[in-house]
Amino acid sequence: MNKSLVRIKENSMLFGVCIGIAEYFNLDVSKIRIAWVISILFFGTGLLLYVILAIVLNKKEEEYVDDIKIDLLK
């Protein structure tokens, strides 16, 4: 299965961009969130990039059929 960068709404704070990036690169989500905050505070481009990614990235949803979890990419 091909790995793709998606937004994950489950357990997310805002739009699920940080969780999607953390899952894609196999990192801890708190490290990604800290990097976003630093980029917003010091560089100013982090907020714009976050909004762009929230619009552009597909949303990963999960569907349950007969108690079996199925990942859907929408």
N, C-alpha and C. Protein backbone atom coordinates (compact mmCIF):
# COMPACT_ATOMS: atom_id res chain seq x y z
N MET A 1 0.84 -1.18 0.00
CA MET A 1 0.00 0.00 0.00
C MET A 1 0.88 1.24 0.00
N ASN A 2 0.55 2.19 -0.84
CA ASN A 2 1.32 3.43 -0.91
C ASN A 2 1.02 4.32 0.28
N LYS A 3 2.05 4.93 0.79
CA LYS A 3 1.94 5.84 1.92
C LYS A 3 1.63 7.23 1.37
N SER A 4 0.64 7.91 1.94
CA SER A 4 0.31 9.25 1.47
C SER A 4 0.12 10.19 2.66
N LEU A 5 0.34 11.44 2.41
CA LEU A 5 0.21 12.47 3.43
C LEU A 5 -1.25 12.93 3.48
N VAL A 6 -1.90 12.73 4.62
CA VAL A 6 -3.32 13.06 4.78
C VAL A 6 -3.55 13.76 6.11
N ARG A 7 -4.70 14.40 6.23
CA ARG A 7 -5.15 14.94 7.51
C ARG A 7 -5.88 13.84 8.25
N ILE A 8 -5.65 13.75 9.56
CA ILE A 8 -6.33 12.74 10.37
C ILE A 8 -7.11 13.47 11.45
N LYS A 9 -8.42 13.41 11.37
CA LYS A 9 -9.28 14.16 12.28
C LYS A 9 -9.35 13.53 13.67
N GLU A 10 -9.12 12.22 13.75
CA GLU A 10 -9.19 11.52 15.03
C GLU A 10 -8.07 12.00 15.96
N ASN A 11 -8.39 12.42 17.18
CA ASN A 11 -7.45 12.91 18.19
C ASN A 11 -6.71 14.17 17.76
N SER A 12 -7.30 14.98 16.90
CA SER A 12 -6.62 16.18 16.42
C SER A 12 -7.00 17.39 17.26
N MET A 13 -6.17 18.42 17.19
CA MET A 13 -6.46 19.67 17.89
C MET A 13 -7.30 20.60 17.01
N LEU A 14 -6.87 20.80 15.76
CA LEU A 14 -7.60 21.68 14.85
C LEU A 14 -8.08 20.91 13.62
N PHE A 15 -7.22 20.76 12.64
CA PHE A 15 -7.61 20.13 11.39
C PHE A 15 -6.96 18.78 11.16
N GLY A 16 -6.06 18.36 12.01
CA GLY A 16 -5.43 17.05 11.87
C GLY A 16 -4.18 17.04 11.01
N VAL A 17 -3.65 18.22 10.68
CA VAL A 17 -2.45 18.29 9.83
C VAL A 17 -1.23 17.74 10.57
N CYS A 18 -1.04 18.11 11.80
CA CYS A 18 0.14 17.65 12.56
C CYS A 18 0.13 16.15 12.78
N ILE A 19 -1.03 15.58 13.07
CA ILE A 19 -1.11 14.14 13.25
C ILE A 19 -0.83 13.42 11.95
N GLY A 20 -1.32 13.95 10.85
CA GLY A 20 -1.05 13.35 9.55
C GLY A 20 0.43 13.37 9.20
N ILE A 21 1.09 14.49 9.48
CA ILE A 21 2.53 14.59 9.22
C ILE A 21 3.31 13.65 10.13
N ALA A 22 2.92 13.59 11.39
CA ALA A 22 3.60 12.70 12.35
C ALA A 22 3.45 11.24 11.94
N GLU A 23 2.27 10.85 11.48
CA GLU A 23 2.07 9.47 11.05
C GLU A 23 2.86 9.17 9.77
N TYR A 24 2.92 10.12 8.87
CA TYR A 24 3.63 9.92 7.60
C TYR A 24 5.13 9.72 7.83
N PHE A 25 5.72 10.54 8.70
CA PHE A 25 7.15 10.46 8.97
C PHE A 25 7.48 9.57 10.18
N ASN A 26 6.47 8.96 10.80
CA ASN A 26 6.64 8.08 11.94
C ASN A 26 7.35 8.79 13.11
N LEU A 27 6.82 9.97 13.45
CA LEU A 27 7.35 10.78 14.54
C LEU A 27 6.29 10.99 15.61
N ASP A 28 6.70 11.53 16.74
CA ASP A 28 5.78 11.87 17.81
C ASP A 28 5.04 13.15 17.43
N VAL A 29 3.72 13.17 17.60
CA VAL A 29 2.92 14.31 17.19
C VAL A 29 3.26 15.57 18.00
N SER A 30 3.67 15.41 19.25
CA SER A 30 4.00 16.59 20.05
C SER A 30 5.23 17.32 19.51
N LYS A 31 6.18 16.59 18.93
CA LYS A 31 7.35 17.23 18.31
C LYS A 31 6.94 18.05 17.09
N ILE A 32 6.01 17.53 16.31
CA ILE A 32 5.52 18.25 15.14
C ILE A 32 4.77 19.51 15.58
N ARG A 33 3.96 19.40 16.62
CA ARG A 33 3.21 20.57 17.11
C ARG A 33 4.15 21.64 17.65
N ILE A 34 5.20 21.24 18.35
CA ILE A 34 6.18 22.20 18.85
C ILE A 34 6.89 22.89 17.70
N ALA A 35 7.22 22.13 16.65
CA ALA A 35 7.86 22.73 15.47
C ALA A 35 6.94 23.74 14.81
N TRP A 36 5.64 23.45 14.73
CA TRP A 36 4.68 24.40 14.14
C TRP A 36 4.63 25.68 14.97
N VAL A 37 4.55 25.55 16.28
CA VAL A 37 4.48 26.73 17.15
C VAL A 37 5.73 27.58 17.00
N ILE A 38 6.90 26.95 16.96
CA ILE A 38 8.15 27.69 16.78
C ILE A 38 8.17 28.39 15.43
N SER A 39 7.72 27.70 14.39
CA SER A 39 7.73 28.33 13.07
C SER A 39 6.73 29.47 12.98
N ILE A 40 5.63 29.38 13.70
CA ILE A 40 4.66 30.48 13.72
C ILE A 40 5.22 31.67 14.49
N LEU A 41 5.81 31.42 15.65
CA LEU A 41 6.30 32.52 16.49
C LEU A 41 7.54 33.21 15.93
N PHE A 42 8.48 32.44 15.39
CA PHE A 42 9.75 33.03 15.00
C PHE A 42 9.84 33.36 13.52
N PHE A 43 9.20 32.57 12.68
CA PHE A 43 9.35 32.79 11.25
C PHE A 43 8.09 33.38 10.63
N GLY A 44 6.93 33.13 11.21
CA GLY A 44 5.68 33.69 10.71
C GLY A 44 5.06 32.94 9.56
N THR A 45 5.78 32.01 8.97
CA THR A 45 5.25 31.28 7.82
C THR A 45 4.50 30.02 8.21
N GLY A 46 4.62 29.58 9.43
CA GLY A 46 4.00 28.34 9.87
C GLY A 46 2.49 28.37 9.80
N LEU A 47 1.88 29.49 10.14
CA LEU A 47 0.42 29.60 10.11
C LEU A 47 -0.10 29.51 8.68
N LEU A 48 0.55 30.21 7.77
CA LEU A 48 0.14 30.17 6.36
C LEU A 48 0.29 28.76 5.80
N LEU A 49 1.40 28.10 6.10
CA LEU A 49 1.63 26.74 5.63
C LEU A 49 0.61 25.77 6.22
N TYR A 50 0.26 25.95 7.49
CA TYR A 50 -0.73 25.09 8.13
C TYR A 50 -2.09 25.22 7.45
N VAL A 51 -2.50 26.44 7.17
CA VAL A 51 -3.79 26.68 6.52
C VAL A 51 -3.79 26.08 5.12
N ILE A 52 -2.70 26.25 4.38
CA ILE A 52 -2.61 25.67 3.04
C ILE A 52 -2.71 24.16 3.10
N LEU A 53 -1.99 23.53 4.02
CA LEU A 53 -2.04 22.08 4.15
C LEU A 53 -3.42 21.59 4.59
N ALA A 54 -4.09 22.36 5.44
CA ALA A 54 -5.43 21.97 5.89
C ALA A 54 -6.42 21.99 4.72
N ILE A 55 -6.20 22.86 3.76
CA ILE A 55 -7.07 22.94 2.59
C ILE A 55 -6.71 21.89 1.55
N VAL A 56 -5.41 21.68 1.33
CA VAL A 56 -4.95 20.84 0.23
C VAL A 56 -4.98 19.34 0.55
N LEU A 57 -4.61 18.96 1.76
CA LEU A 57 -4.51 17.53 2.10
C LEU A 57 -5.87 16.86 2.16
N ASN A 58 -5.90 15.61 1.71
CA ASN A 58 -7.12 14.81 1.81
C ASN A 58 -7.35 14.42 3.26
N LYS A 59 -8.60 14.17 3.58
CA LYS A 59 -8.97 13.78 4.94
C LYS A 59 -9.07 12.27 5.02
N LYS A 60 -8.40 11.68 5.98
CA LYS A 60 -8.48 10.23 6.19
C LYS A 60 -9.60 9.96 7.17
N GLU A 61 -10.52 9.14 6.74
CA GLU A 61 -11.64 8.78 7.61
C GLU A 61 -11.66 7.28 7.81
N GLU A 62 -12.26 6.88 8.88
CA GLU A 62 -12.38 5.46 9.19
C GLU A 62 -13.86 5.09 9.23
N GLU A 63 -14.14 3.93 8.73
CA GLU A 63 -15.51 3.46 8.70
C GLU A 63 -15.56 2.10 9.37
N TYR A 64 -16.59 1.87 10.15
CA TYR A 64 -16.74 0.59 10.84
C TYR A 64 -17.85 -0.21 10.17
N VAL A 65 -17.50 -1.41 9.72
CA VAL A 65 -18.47 -2.31 9.11
C VAL A 65 -18.40 -3.62 9.88
N ASP A 66 -19.48 -3.97 10.55
CA ASP A 66 -19.54 -5.20 11.34
C ASP A 66 -18.35 -5.31 12.31
N ASP A 67 -18.08 -4.24 13.05
CA ASP A 67 -17.02 -4.16 14.05
C ASP A 67 -15.62 -4.33 13.47
N ILE A 68 -15.45 -4.06 12.19
CA ILE A 68 -14.13 -4.09 11.55
C ILE A 68 -13.82 -2.68 11.09
N LYS A 69 -12.67 -2.16 11.52
CA LYS A 69 -12.28 -0.80 11.16
C LYS A 69 -11.68 -0.81 9.76
N ILE A 70 -12.19 0.07 8.89
CA ILE A 70 -11.68 0.19 7.53
C ILE A 70 -11.25 1.63 7.34
N ASP A 71 -10.00 1.84 6.89
CA ASP A 71 -9.50 3.18 6.61
C ASP A 71 -9.92 3.60 5.22
N LEU A 72 -10.54 4.76 5.13
CA LEU A 72 -10.96 5.31 3.85
C LEU A 72 -10.21 6.60 3.60
N LEU A 73 -9.85 6.84 2.38
CA LEU A 73 -9.19 8.08 2.02
C LEU A 73 -10.17 8.91 1.22
N LYS A 74 -10.62 10.02 1.81
CA LYS A 74 -11.58 10.89 1.15
C LYS A 74 -11.00 12.26 1.00
